[in-house]
C-alpha cells in the first residue's frame, strides 16, 4: 500500500440550496486549503437540497473535473439537517467535517479540525 493510500480520508460534507452564485468562491477558497494538508486524503460530498437555480448543474461541472467531489441530489428541499444527514451517510471518510457553502465558516479552520 502506498503512503498516499495510507493517509486517512477526510470527508467534507457541504449542503447546497440555491447556491449557484457561491459555488466558484467555495471551491476556490476550500480546495487549496484541503490540498495543503499533506497528512490526509479528502473528498467533498456536496448535497443539492432541492435547489431551483443552477446549483446542480454547476456542481456536476465541478465533479466532472475533480474525482474528489461527489454529489448527492435530493429530490426536493428537505432542509439543512436532512441534507447533512444524507451527506454523512454518503461520506466515505474516517472523519467528517461539516461546512456551509456560503463560507460563513472559514475554510482556513479546516486544518485545525
PDB file of N, CA and C in Angstrom:
ATOM      1  N   UNK A   1       0.848  -1.175   0.000  1.00  0.00           N
ATOM      2  CA  UNK A   1       0.000   0.000   0.000  1.00  0.00           C
ATOM      3  C   UNK A   1       0.896   1.241   0.000  1.00  0.00           C
ATOM      4  N   UNK A   2       0.592   2.182  -0.867  1.00  0.00           N
ATOM      5  CA  UNK A   2       1.405   3.397  -0.962  1.00  0.00           C
ATOM      6  C   UNK A   2       1.181   4.298   0.245  1.00  0.00           C
ATOM      7  N   UNK A   3       2.133   5.191   0.469  1.00  0.00           N
ATOM      8  CA  UNK A   3       1.996   6.150   1.572  1.00  0.00           C
ATOM      9  C   UNK A   3       0.753   7.001   1.383  1.00  0.00           C
ATOM     10  N   UNK A   4       0.452   7.357   0.140  1.00  0.00           N
ATOM     11  CA  UNK A   4      -0.746   8.159  -0.137  1.00  0.00           C
ATOM     12  C   UNK A   4      -2.006   7.411   0.290  1.00  0.00           C
ATOM     13  N   UNK A   5      -2.076   6.133  -0.035  1.00  0.00           N
ATOM     14  CA  UNK A   5      -3.258   5.339   0.288  1.00  0.00           C
ATOM     15  C   UNK A   5      -3.415   5.131   1.787  1.00  0.00           C
ATOM     16  N   UNK A   6      -2.328   5.216   2.539  1.00  0.00           N
ATOM     17  CA  UNK A   6      -2.397   5.026   3.994  1.00  0.00           C
ATOM     18  C   UNK A   6      -2.869   6.282   4.723  1.00  0.00           C
ATOM     19  N   UNK A   7      -2.857   7.422   4.057  1.00  0.00           N
ATOM     20  CA  UNK A   7      -3.320   8.637   4.717  1.00  0.00           C
ATOM     21  C   UNK A   7      -4.824   8.540   4.943  1.00  0.00           C
ATOM     22  N   UNK A   8      -5.309   9.001   6.086  1.00  0.00           N
ATOM     23  CA  UNK A   8      -6.746   8.904   6.345  1.00  0.00           C
ATOM     24  C   UNK A   8      -7.551   9.764   5.369  1.00  0.00           C
ATOM     25  N   UNK A   9      -8.745   9.273   5.063  1.00  0.00           N
ATOM     26  CA  UNK A   9      -9.660  10.009   4.200  1.00  0.00           C
ATOM     27  C   UNK A   9     -10.562  10.871   5.067  1.00  0.00           C
ATOM     28  N   UNK A  10     -10.613  12.146   4.765  1.00  0.00           N
ATOM     29  CA  UNK A  10     -11.495  13.085   5.449  1.00  0.00           C
ATOM     30  C   UNK A  10     -12.583  13.500   4.465  1.00  0.00           C
ATOM     31  N   UNK A  11     -13.820  13.456   4.922  1.00  0.00           N
ATOM     32  CA  UNK A  11     -14.951  13.858   4.087  1.00  0.00           C
ATOM     33  C   UNK A  11     -15.443  15.226   4.530  1.00  0.00           C
ATOM     34  N   UNK A  12     -15.449  16.151   3.599  1.00  0.00           N
ATOM     35  CA  UNK A  12     -16.041  17.461   3.826  1.00  0.00           C
ATOM     36  C   UNK A  12     -17.463  17.373   3.295  1.00  0.00           C
ATOM     37  N   UNK A  13     -18.454  17.583   4.150  1.00  0.00           N
ATOM     38  CA  UNK A  13     -19.858  17.464   3.769  1.00  0.00           C
ATOM     39  C   UNK A  13     -20.455  18.864   3.714  1.00  0.00           C
ATOM     40  N   UNK A  14     -21.017  19.201   2.535  1.00  0.00           N
ATOM     41  CA  UNK A  14     -21.459  20.570   2.281  1.00  0.00           C
ATOM     42  C   UNK A  14     -22.869  20.566   1.697  1.00  0.00           C
ATOM     43  N   UNK A  15     -23.852  21.124   2.426  1.00  0.00           N
ATOM     44  CA  UNK A  15     -25.190  21.247   1.845  1.00  0.00           C
ATOM     45  C   UNK A  15     -25.272  22.484   0.944  1.00  0.00           C
ATOM     46  N   UNK A  16     -25.964  22.341  -0.170  1.00  0.00           N
ATOM     47  CA  UNK A  16     -26.175  23.448  -1.104  1.00  0.00           C
ATOM     48  C   UNK A  16     -27.670  23.591  -1.365  1.00  0.00           C
ATOM     49  N   UNK A  17     -28.193  24.796  -1.224  1.00  0.00           N
ATOM     50  CA  UNK A  17     -29.565  25.101  -1.639  1.00  0.00           C
ATOM     51  C   UNK A  17     -29.553  26.459  -2.320  1.00  0.00           C
ATOM     52  N   UNK A  18     -29.821  26.471  -3.607  1.00  0.00           N
ATOM     53  CA  UNK A  18     -29.817  27.709  -4.406  1.00  0.00           C
ATOM     54  C   UNK A  18     -28.528  28.497  -4.181  1.00  0.00           C
ATOM     55  N   UNK A  19     -27.396  27.810  -4.316  1.00  0.00           N
ATOM     56  CA  UNK A  19     -26.073  28.400  -4.067  1.00  0.00           C
ATOM     57  C   UNK A  19     -25.249  28.533  -5.346  1.00  0.00           C
ATOM     58  N   UNK A  20     -25.883  28.577  -6.510  1.00  0.00           N
ATOM     59  CA  UNK A  20     -25.139  28.616  -7.771  1.00  0.00           C
ATOM     60  C   UNK A  20     -24.119  29.748  -7.793  1.00  0.00           C
ATOM     61  N   UNK A  21     -24.464  30.879  -7.221  1.00  0.00           N
ATOM     62  CA  UNK A  21     -23.575  32.044  -7.260  1.00  0.00           C
ATOM     63  C   UNK A  21     -22.374  31.915  -6.325  1.00  0.00           C
ATOM     64  N   UNK A  22     -22.419  30.991  -5.374  1.00  0.00           N
ATOM     65  CA  UNK A  22     -21.316  30.864  -4.413  1.00  0.00           C
ATOM     66  C   UNK A  22     -20.394  29.677  -4.691  1.00  0.00           C
ATOM     67  N   UNK A  23     -20.759  28.838  -5.640  1.00  0.00           N
ATOM     68  CA  UNK A  23     -20.007  27.598  -5.865  1.00  0.00           C
ATOM     69  C   UNK A  23     -18.552  27.860  -6.242  1.00  0.00           C
ATOM     70  N   UNK A  24     -18.311  28.756  -7.183  1.00  0.00           N
ATOM     71  CA  UNK A  24     -16.927  29.034  -7.585  1.00  0.00           C
ATOM     72  C   UNK A  24     -16.103  29.545  -6.410  1.00  0.00           C
ATOM     73  N   UNK A  25     -16.667  30.467  -5.639  1.00  0.00           N
ATOM     74  CA  UNK A  25     -15.946  31.022  -4.486  1.00  0.00           C
ATOM     75  C   UNK A  25     -15.692  29.944  -3.441  1.00  0.00           C
ATOM     76  N   UNK A  26     -16.669  29.059  -3.234  1.00  0.00           N
ATOM     77  CA  UNK A  26     -16.497  27.988  -2.251  1.00  0.00           C
ATOM     78  C   UNK A  26     -15.314  27.093  -2.616  1.00  0.00           C
ATOM     79  N   UNK A  27     -15.293  26.610  -3.847  1.00  0.00           N
ATOM     80  CA  UNK A  27     -14.207  25.708  -4.242  1.00  0.00           C
ATOM     81  C   UNK A  27     -12.872  26.434  -4.338  1.00  0.00           C
ATOM     82  N   UNK A  28     -12.891  27.689  -4.768  1.00  0.00           N
ATOM     83  CA  UNK A  28     -11.643  28.469  -4.837  1.00  0.00           C
ATOM     84  C   UNK A  28     -11.045  28.668  -3.451  1.00  0.00           C
ATOM     85  N   UNK A  29     -11.888  28.806  -2.441  1.00  0.00           N
ATOM     86  CA  UNK A  29     -11.400  29.003  -1.075  1.00  0.00           C
ATOM     87  C   UNK A  29     -11.047  27.688  -0.390  1.00  0.00           C
ATOM     88  N   UNK A  30     -11.776  26.641  -0.689  1.00  0.00           N
ATOM     89  CA  UNK A  30     -11.666  25.386   0.054  1.00  0.00           C
ATOM     90  C   UNK A  30     -10.616  24.425  -0.499  1.00  0.00           C
ATOM     91  N   UNK A  31     -10.577  24.237  -1.802  1.00  0.00           N
ATOM     92  CA  UNK A  31      -9.645  23.254  -2.374  1.00  0.00           C
ATOM     93  C   UNK A  31      -8.184  23.520  -2.023  1.00  0.00           C
ATOM     94  N   UNK A  32      -7.678  24.756  -2.143  1.00  0.00           N
ATOM     95  CA  UNK A  32      -6.263  24.968  -1.796  1.00  0.00           C
ATOM     96  C   UNK A  32      -5.947  24.634  -0.335  1.00  0.00           C
ATOM     97  N   UNK A  33      -6.894  24.879   0.534  1.00  0.00           N
ATOM     98  CA  UNK A  33      -6.670  24.581   1.952  1.00  0.00           C
ATOM     99  C   UNK A  33      -6.613  23.072   2.166  1.00  0.00           C
ATOM    100  N   UNK A  34      -7.558  22.343   1.603  1.00  0.00           N
ATOM    101  CA  UNK A  34      -7.541  20.883   1.740  1.00  0.00           C
ATOM    102  C   UNK A  34      -6.291  20.286   1.108  1.00  0.00           C
ATOM    103  N   UNK A  35      -5.907  20.800  -0.047  1.00  0.00           N
ATOM    104  CA  UNK A  35      -4.718  20.286  -0.737  1.00  0.00           C
ATOM    105  C   UNK A  35      -3.430  20.587   0.021  1.00  0.00           C
ATOM    106  N   UNK A  36      -3.454  21.587   0.886  1.00  0.00           N
ATOM    107  CA  UNK A  36      -2.246  21.953   1.637  1.00  0.00           C
ATOM    108  C   UNK A  36      -1.986  21.031   2.829  1.00  0.00           C
ATOM    109  N   UNK A  37      -2.975  20.251   3.213  1.00  0.00           N
ATOM    110  CA  UNK A  37      -2.825  19.339   4.352  1.00  0.00           C
ATOM    111  C   UNK A  37      -2.338  17.997   3.805  1.00  0.00           C
ATOM    112  N   UNK A  38      -1.027  17.791   3.859  1.00  0.00           N
ATOM    113  CA  UNK A  38      -0.456  16.607   3.208  1.00  0.00           C
ATOM    114  C   UNK A  38      -0.567  15.328   4.033  1.00  0.00           C
ATOM    115  N   UNK A  39      -1.185  15.390   5.196  1.00  0.00           N
ATOM    116  CA  UNK A  39      -1.336  14.194   6.023  1.00  0.00           C
ATOM    117  C   UNK A  39      -2.679  13.505   5.803  1.00  0.00           C
ATOM    118  N   UNK A  40      -3.509  14.046   4.905  1.00  0.00           N
ATOM    119  CA  UNK A  40      -4.823  13.455   4.647  1.00  0.00           C
ATOM    120  C   UNK A  40      -5.077  13.328   3.147  1.00  0.00           C
ATOM    121  N   UNK A  41      -6.031  12.478   2.835  1.00  0.00           N
ATOM    122  CA  UNK A  41      -6.712  12.482   1.546  1.00  0.00           C
ATOM    123  C   UNK A  41      -8.091  13.061   1.840  1.00  0.00           C
ATOM    124  N   UNK A  42      -8.752  13.604   0.854  1.00  0.00           N
ATOM    125  CA  UNK A  42     -10.066  14.172   1.131  1.00  0.00           C
ATOM    126  C   UNK A  42     -11.028  13.939  -0.018  1.00  0.00           C
ATOM    127  N   UNK A  43     -12.293  14.024   0.343  1.00  0.00           N
ATOM    128  CA  UNK A  43     -13.379  14.069  -0.622  1.00  0.00           C
ATOM    129  C   UNK A  43     -14.307  15.191  -0.179  1.00  0.00           C
ATOM    130  N   UNK A  44     -15.023  15.746  -1.127  1.00  0.00           N
ATOM    131  CA  UNK A  44     -16.025  16.757  -0.813  1.00  0.00           C
ATOM    132  C   UNK A  44     -17.365  16.200  -1.267  1.00  0.00           C
ATOM    133  N   UNK A  45     -18.252  15.978  -0.305  1.00  0.00           N
ATOM    134  CA  UNK A  45     -19.580  15.453  -0.591  1.00  0.00           C
ATOM    135  C   UNK A  45     -20.536  16.644  -0.608  1.00  0.00           C
ATOM    136  N   UNK A  46     -21.052  16.948  -1.782  1.00  0.00           N
ATOM    137  CA  UNK A  46     -21.940  18.096  -1.985  1.00  0.00           C
ATOM    138  C   UNK A  46     -23.374  17.592  -2.046  1.00  0.00           C
ATOM    139  N   UNK A  47     -24.229  18.136  -1.200  1.00  0.00           N
ATOM    140  CA  UNK A  47     -25.622  17.726  -1.187  1.00  0.00           C
ATOM    141  C   UNK A  47     -26.455  18.843  -1.784  1.00  0.00           C
ATOM    142  N   UNK A  48     -27.104  18.556  -2.906  1.00  0.00           N
ATOM    143  CA  UNK A  48     -28.013  19.521  -3.506  1.00  0.00           C
ATOM    144  C   UNK A  48     -29.377  19.320  -2.858  1.00  0.00           C
ATOM    145  N   UNK A  49     -29.771  20.276  -2.037  1.00  0.00           N
ATOM    146  CA  UNK A  49     -31.002  20.180  -1.252  1.00  0.00           C
ATOM    147  C   UNK A  49     -32.163  20.841  -2.004  1.00  0.00           C
ATOM    148  N   UNK A  50     -32.543  20.248  -3.128  1.00  0.00           N
ATOM    149  CA  UNK A  50     -33.702  20.718  -3.874  1.00  0.00           C
ATOM    150  C   UNK A  50     -33.549  22.098  -4.487  1.00  0.00           C
ATOM    151  N   UNK A  51     -32.360  22.458  -4.895  1.00  0.00           N
ATOM    152  CA  UNK A  51     -32.134  23.787  -5.478  1.00  0.00           C
ATOM    153  C   UNK A  51     -32.970  23.978  -6.738  1.00  0.00           C
ATOM    154  N   UNK A  52     -33.425  25.232  -6.929  1.00  0.00           N
ATOM    155  CA  UNK A  52     -34.207  25.570  -8.116  1.00  0.00           C
ATOM    156  C   UNK A  52     -33.410  26.415  -9.102  1.00  0.00           C
ATOM    157  N   UNK A  53     -32.191  26.772  -8.733  1.00  0.00           N
ATOM    158  CA  UNK A  53     -31.337  27.536  -9.646  1.00  0.00           C
ATOM    159  C   UNK A  53     -30.376  26.567 -10.346  1.00  0.00           C
ATOM    160  N   UNK A  54     -29.239  27.038 -10.770  1.00  0.00           N
ATOM    161  CA  UNK A  54     -28.272  26.207 -11.493  1.00  0.00           C
ATOM    162  C   UNK A  54     -27.285  25.479 -10.584  1.00  0.00           C
ATOM    163  N   UNK A  55     -27.597  25.365  -9.313  1.00  0.00           N
ATOM    164  CA  UNK A  55     -26.670  24.734  -8.370  1.00  0.00           C
ATOM    165  C   UNK A  55     -26.254  23.340  -8.827  1.00  0.00           C
ATOM    166  N   UNK A  56     -27.210  22.490  -9.141  1.00  0.00           N
ATOM    167  CA  UNK A  56     -26.875  21.112  -9.510  1.00  0.00           C
ATOM    168  C   UNK A  56     -25.987  21.077 -10.751  1.00  0.00           C
ATOM    169  N   UNK A  57     -26.326  21.846 -11.770  1.00  0.00           N
ATOM    170  CA  UNK A  57     -25.504  21.869 -12.987  1.00  0.00           C
ATOM    171  C   UNK A  57     -24.086  22.336 -12.694  1.00  0.00           C
ATOM    172  N   UNK A  58     -23.948  23.336 -11.846  1.00  0.00           N
ATOM    173  CA  UNK A  58     -22.613  23.845 -11.503  1.00  0.00           C
ATOM    174  C   UNK A  58     -21.826  22.792 -10.731  1.00  0.00           C
ATOM    175  N   UNK A  59     -22.492  22.092  -9.810  1.00  0.00           N
ATOM    176  CA  UNK A  59     -21.818  21.033  -9.058  1.00  0.00           C
ATOM    177  C   UNK A  59     -21.393  19.889  -9.978  1.00  0.00           C
ATOM    178  N   UNK A  60     -22.239  19.544 -10.923  1.00  0.00           N
ATOM    179  CA  UNK A  60     -21.892  18.490 -11.879  1.00  0.00           C
ATOM    180  C   UNK A  60     -20.648  18.886 -12.666  1.00  0.00           C
ATOM    181  N   UNK A  61     -20.564  20.141 -13.060  1.00  0.00           N
ATOM    182  CA  UNK A  61     -19.376  20.618 -13.780  1.00  0.00           C
ATOM    183  C   UNK A  61     -18.116  20.475 -12.932  1.00  0.00           C
ATOM    184  N   UNK A  62     -18.212  20.849 -11.657  1.00  0.00           N
ATOM    185  CA  UNK A  62     -17.049  20.735 -10.765  1.00  0.00           C
ATOM    186  C   UNK A  62     -16.668  19.269 -10.591  1.00  0.00           C
ATOM    187  N   UNK A  63     -17.655  18.418 -10.322  1.00  0.00           N
ATOM    188  CA  UNK A  63     -17.385  16.997 -10.094  1.00  0.00           C
ATOM    189  C   UNK A  63     -16.811  16.322 -11.337  1.00  0.00           C
ATOM    190  N   UNK A  64     -17.208  16.774 -12.516  1.00  0.00           N
ATOM    191  CA  UNK A  64     -16.684  16.189 -13.754  1.00  0.00           C
ATOM    192  C   UNK A  64     -15.183  16.428 -13.891  1.00  0.00           C
ATOM    193  N   UNK A  65     -14.695  17.506 -13.294  1.00  0.00           N
ATOM    194  CA  UNK A  65     -13.279  17.827 -13.386  1.00  0.00           C
ATOM    195  C   UNK A  65     -12.456  17.430 -12.178  1.00  0.00           C
ATOM    196  N   UNK A  66     -13.098  16.892 -11.145  1.00  0.00           N
ATOM    197  CA  UNK A  66     -12.371  16.550  -9.920  1.00  0.00           C
ATOM    198  C   UNK A  66     -13.009  15.321  -9.276  1.00  0.00           C
ATOM    199  N   UNK A  67     -12.356  14.166  -9.340  1.00  0.00           N
ATOM    200  CA  UNK A  67     -12.941  12.939  -8.791  1.00  0.00           C
ATOM    201  C   UNK A  67     -13.089  12.953  -7.269  1.00  0.00           C
ATOM    202  N   UNK A  68     -12.521  13.933  -6.607  1.00  0.00           N
ATOM    203  CA  UNK A  68     -12.671  14.036  -5.147  1.00  0.00           C
ATOM    204  C   UNK A  68     -14.001  14.670  -4.764  1.00  0.00           C
ATOM    205  N   UNK A  69     -14.725  15.187  -5.744  1.00  0.00           N
ATOM    206  CA  UNK A  69     -16.013  15.846  -5.494  1.00  0.00           C
ATOM    207  C   UNK A  69     -17.128  14.888  -5.888  1.00  0.00           C
ATOM    208  N   UNK A  70     -18.026  14.644  -4.928  1.00  0.00           N
ATOM    209  CA  UNK A  70     -19.176  13.765  -5.178  1.00  0.00           C
ATOM    210  C   UNK A  70     -20.451  14.540  -4.886  1.00  0.00           C
ATOM    211  N   UNK A  71     -21.537  14.133  -5.520  1.00  0.00           N
ATOM    212  CA  UNK A  71     -22.805  14.848  -5.389  1.00  0.00           C
ATOM    213  C   UNK A  71     -23.891  13.898  -4.913  1.00  0.00           C
ATOM    214  N   UNK A  72     -24.670  14.375  -3.952  1.00  0.00           N
ATOM    215  CA  UNK A  72     -25.912  13.724  -3.549  1.00  0.00           C
ATOM    216  C   UNK A  72     -27.013  14.702  -3.944  1.00  0.00           C
ATOM    217  N   UNK A  73     -27.932  14.270  -4.788  1.00  0.00           N
ATOM    218  CA  UNK A  73     -29.011  15.141  -5.261  1.00  0.00           C
ATOM    219  C   UNK A  73     -30.316  14.708  -4.616  1.00  0.00           C
ATOM    220  N   UNK A  74     -30.817  15.521  -3.699  1.00  0.00           N
ATOM    221  CA  UNK A  74     -32.088  15.217  -3.048  1.00  0.00           C
ATOM    222  C   UNK A  74     -33.238  15.601  -3.976  1.00  0.00           C
ATOM    223  N   UNK A  75     -34.322  14.851  -3.918  1.00  0.00           N
ATOM    224  CA  UNK A  75     -35.431  15.031  -4.855  1.00  0.00           C
ATOM    225  C   UNK A  75     -36.219  16.314  -4.634  1.00  0.00           C
ATOM    226  N   UNK A  76     -36.129  16.873  -3.445  1.00  0.00           N
ATOM    227  CA  UNK A  76     -36.801  18.134  -3.118  1.00  0.00           C
ATOM    228  C   UNK A  76     -36.046  18.757  -1.960  1.00  0.00           C
ATOM    229  N   UNK A  77     -36.493  19.908  -1.511  1.00  0.00           N
ATOM    230  CA  UNK A  77     -35.835  20.540  -0.372  1.00  0.00           C
ATOM    231  C   UNK A  77     -36.290  19.855   0.917  1.00  0.00           C
ATOM    232  N   UNK A  78     -35.327  19.257   1.600  1.00  0.00           N
ATOM    233  CA  UNK A  78     -35.606  18.587   2.864  1.00  0.00           C
ATOM    234  C   UNK A  78     -35.130  19.405   4.057  1.00  0.00           C
ATOM    235  N   UNK A  79     -34.281  20.391   3.830  1.00  0.00           N
ATOM    236  CA  UNK A  79     -33.738  21.204   4.910  1.00  0.00           C
ATOM    237  C   UNK A  79     -32.300  20.833   5.220  1.00  0.00           C
ATOM    238  N   UNK A  80     -31.635  21.751   5.886  1.00  0.00           N
ATOM    239  CA  UNK A  80     -30.200  21.605   6.131  1.00  0.00           C
ATOM    240  C   UNK A  80     -29.862  20.346   6.924  1.00  0.00           C
ATOM    241  N   UNK A  81     -30.611  20.069   7.976  1.00  0.00           N
ATOM    242  CA  UNK A  81     -30.285  18.916   8.817  1.00  0.00           C
ATOM    243  C   UNK A  81     -30.407  17.612   8.037  1.00  0.00           C
ATOM    244  N   UNK A  82     -31.472  17.479   7.254  1.00  0.00           N
ATOM    245  CA  UNK A  82     -31.645  16.266   6.448  1.00  0.00           C
ATOM    246  C   UNK A  82     -30.557  16.171   5.379  1.00  0.00           C
ATOM    247  N   UNK A  83     -30.198  17.309   4.790  1.00  0.00           N
ATOM    248  CA  UNK A  83     -29.134  17.310   3.780  1.00  0.00           C
ATOM    249  C   UNK A  83     -27.809  16.876   4.405  1.00  0.00           C
ATOM    250  N   UNK A  84     -27.506  17.393   5.587  1.00  0.00           N
ATOM    251  CA  UNK A  84     -26.273  16.996   6.264  1.00  0.00           C
ATOM    252  C   UNK A  84     -26.281  15.504   6.594  1.00  0.00           C
ATOM    253  N   UNK A  85     -27.419  15.005   7.054  1.00  0.00           N
ATOM    254  CA  UNK A  85     -27.532  13.581   7.362  1.00  0.00           C
ATOM    255  C   UNK A  85     -27.298  12.735   6.112  1.00  0.00           C
ATOM    256  N   UNK A  86     -27.875  13.144   4.991  1.00  0.00           N
ATOM    257  CA  UNK A  86     -27.660  12.421   3.733  1.00  0.00           C
ATOM    258  C   UNK A  86     -26.183  12.443   3.347  1.00  0.00           C
ATOM    259  N   UNK A  87     -25.530  13.578   3.554  1.00  0.00           N
ATOM    260  CA  UNK A  87     -24.108  13.684   3.238  1.00  0.00           C
ATOM    261  C   UNK A  87     -23.245  12.824   4.139  1.00  0.00           C
ATOM    262  N   UNK A  88     -23.570  12.807   5.416  1.00  0.00           N
ATOM    263  CA  UNK A  88     -22.825  11.964   6.357  1.00  0.00           C
ATOM    264  C   UNK A  88     -22.996  10.491   5.984  1.00  0.00           C
ATOM    265  N   UNK A  89     -24.217  10.106   5.624  1.00  0.00           N
ATOM    266  CA  UNK A  89     -24.465   8.723   5.210  1.00  0.00           C
ATOM    267  C   UNK A  89     -23.654   8.352   3.972  1.00  0.00           C
ATOM    268  N   UNK A  90     -23.457   9.294   3.075  1.00  0.00           N
ATOM    269  CA  UNK A  90     -22.724   9.050   1.823  1.00  0.00           C
ATOM    270  C   UNK A  90     -21.211   9.133   2.007  1.00  0.00           C
ATOM    271  N   UNK A  91     -20.761   9.837   3.029  1.00  0.00           N
ATOM    272  CA  UNK A  91     -19.329  10.080   3.234  1.00  0.00           C
ATOM    273  C   UNK A  91     -18.571   8.771   3.447  1.00  0.00           C
ATOM    274  N   UNK A  92     -17.391   8.694   2.839  1.00  0.00           N
ATOM    275  CA  UNK A  92     -16.550   7.501   2.953  1.00  0.00           C
ATOM    276  C   UNK A  92     -15.396   7.700   3.927  1.00  0.00           C
ATOM    277  N   UNK A  93     -15.220   8.905   4.423  1.00  0.00           N
ATOM    278  CA  UNK A  93     -14.071   9.216   5.259  1.00  0.00           C
ATOM    279  C   UNK A  93     -14.145   8.631   6.654  1.00  0.00           C
ATOM    280  N   UNK A  94     -12.968   8.547   7.287  1.00  0.00           N
ATOM    281  CA  UNK A  94     -12.906   8.133   8.686  1.00  0.00           C
ATOM    282  C   UNK A  94     -13.205   9.307   9.602  1.00  0.00           C
ATOM    283  N   UNK A  95     -13.206  10.502   9.039  1.00  0.00           N
ATOM    284  CA  UNK A  95     -13.604  11.716   9.756  1.00  0.00           C
ATOM    285  C   UNK A  95     -14.461  12.541   8.811  1.00  0.00           C
ATOM    286  N   UNK A  96     -15.430  13.255   9.385  1.00  0.00           N
ATOM    287  CA  UNK A  96     -16.339  14.086   8.600  1.00  0.00           C
ATOM    288  C   UNK A  96     -16.309  15.495   9.161  1.00  0.00           C
ATOM    289  N   UNK A  97     -16.194  16.465   8.259  1.00  0.00           N
ATOM    290  CA  UNK A  97     -16.256  17.878   8.627  1.00  0.00           C
ATOM    291  C   UNK A  97     -17.462  18.471   7.919  1.00  0.00           C
ATOM    292  N   UNK A  98     -18.317  19.149   8.674  1.00  0.00           N
ATOM    293  CA  UNK A  98     -19.495  19.802   8.115  1.00  0.00           C
ATOM    294  C   UNK A  98     -19.181  21.278   7.922  1.00  0.00           C
ATOM    295  N   UNK A  99     -19.533  21.819   6.755  1.00  0.00           N
ATOM    296  CA  UNK A  99     -19.255  23.224   6.472  1.00  0.00           C
ATOM    297  C   UNK A  99     -20.339  23.747   5.534  1.00  0.00           C
ATOM    298  N   UNK A 100     -20.655  25.028   5.656  1.00  0.00           N
ATOM    299  CA  UNK A 100     -21.652  25.648   4.788  1.00  0.00           C
ATOM    300  C   UNK A 100     -21.012  26.170   3.511  1.00  0.00           C
ATOM    301  N   UNK A 101     -21.775  26.143   2.432  1.00  0.00           N
ATOM    302  CA  UNK A 101     -21.273  26.571   1.122  1.00  0.00           C
ATOM    303  C   UNK A 101     -21.071  28.079   1.027  1.00  0.00           C
ATOM    304  N   UNK A 102     -21.749  28.837   1.877  1.00  0.00           N
ATOM    305  CA  UNK A 102     -21.659  30.301   1.778  1.00  0.00           C
ATOM    306  C   UNK A 102     -20.431  30.879   2.475  1.00  0.00           C
ATOM    307  N   UNK A 103     -19.549  30.013   2.934  1.00  0.00           N
ATOM    308  CA  UNK A 103     -18.276  30.399   3.562  1.00  0.00           C
ATOM    309  C   UNK A 103     -18.454  31.148   4.879  1.00  0.00           C
ATOM    310  N   UNK A 104     -19.616  31.001   5.521  1.00  0.00           N
ATOM    311  CA  UNK A 104     -19.769  31.613   6.844  1.00  0.00           C
ATOM    312  C   UNK A 104     -18.828  30.960   7.854  1.00  0.00           C
ATOM    313  N   UNK A 105     -18.482  29.699   7.595  1.00  0.00           N
ATOM    314  CA  UNK A 105     -17.450  29.020   8.379  1.00  0.00           C
ATOM    315  C   UNK A 105     -16.164  29.124   7.568  1.00  0.00           C
ATOM    316  N   UNK A 106     -15.138  29.790   8.077  1.00  0.00           N
ATOM    317  CA  UNK A 106     -13.919  29.979   7.287  1.00  0.00           C
ATOM    318  C   UNK A 106     -13.215  28.653   6.979  1.00  0.00           C
ATOM    319  N   UNK A 107     -13.025  28.323   5.703  1.00  0.00           N
ATOM    320  CA  UNK A 107     -12.311  27.089   5.358  1.00  0.00           C
ATOM    321  C   UNK A 107     -10.896  27.042   5.935  1.00  0.00           C
ATOM    322  N   UNK A 108     -10.332  28.185   6.262  1.00  0.00           N
ATOM    323  CA  UNK A 108      -8.984  28.214   6.844  1.00  0.00           C
ATOM    324  C   UNK A 108      -8.924  27.464   8.172  1.00  0.00           C
ATOM    325  N   UNK A 109     -10.066  27.233   8.800  1.00  0.00           N
ATOM    326  CA  UNK A 109     -10.100  26.498  10.068  1.00  0.00           C
ATOM    327  C   UNK A 109     -10.042  24.981   9.869  1.00  0.00           C
ATOM    328  N   UNK A 110     -10.228  24.512   8.653  1.00  0.00           N
ATOM    329  CA  UNK A 110     -10.279  23.069   8.393  1.00  0.00           C
ATOM    330  C   UNK A 110      -9.019  22.339   8.862  1.00  0.00           C
ATOM    331  N   UNK A 111      -7.809  22.816   8.580  1.00  0.00           N
ATOM    332  CA  UNK A 111      -6.627  22.058   9.032  1.00  0.00           C
ATOM    333  C   UNK A 111      -6.571  21.845  10.546  1.00  0.00           C
ATOM    334  N   UNK A 112      -7.111  22.765  11.312  1.00  0.00           N
ATOM    335  CA  UNK A 112      -7.104  22.617  12.765  1.00  0.00           C
ATOM    336  C   UNK A 112      -8.067  21.531  13.226  1.00  0.00           C
ATOM    337  N   UNK A 113      -9.024  21.203  12.396  1.00  0.00           N
ATOM    338  CA  UNK A 113     -10.010  20.187  12.769  1.00  0.00           C
ATOM    339  C   UNK A 113      -9.412  18.808  12.596  1.00  0.00           C
TER     340      UNK A 113
END
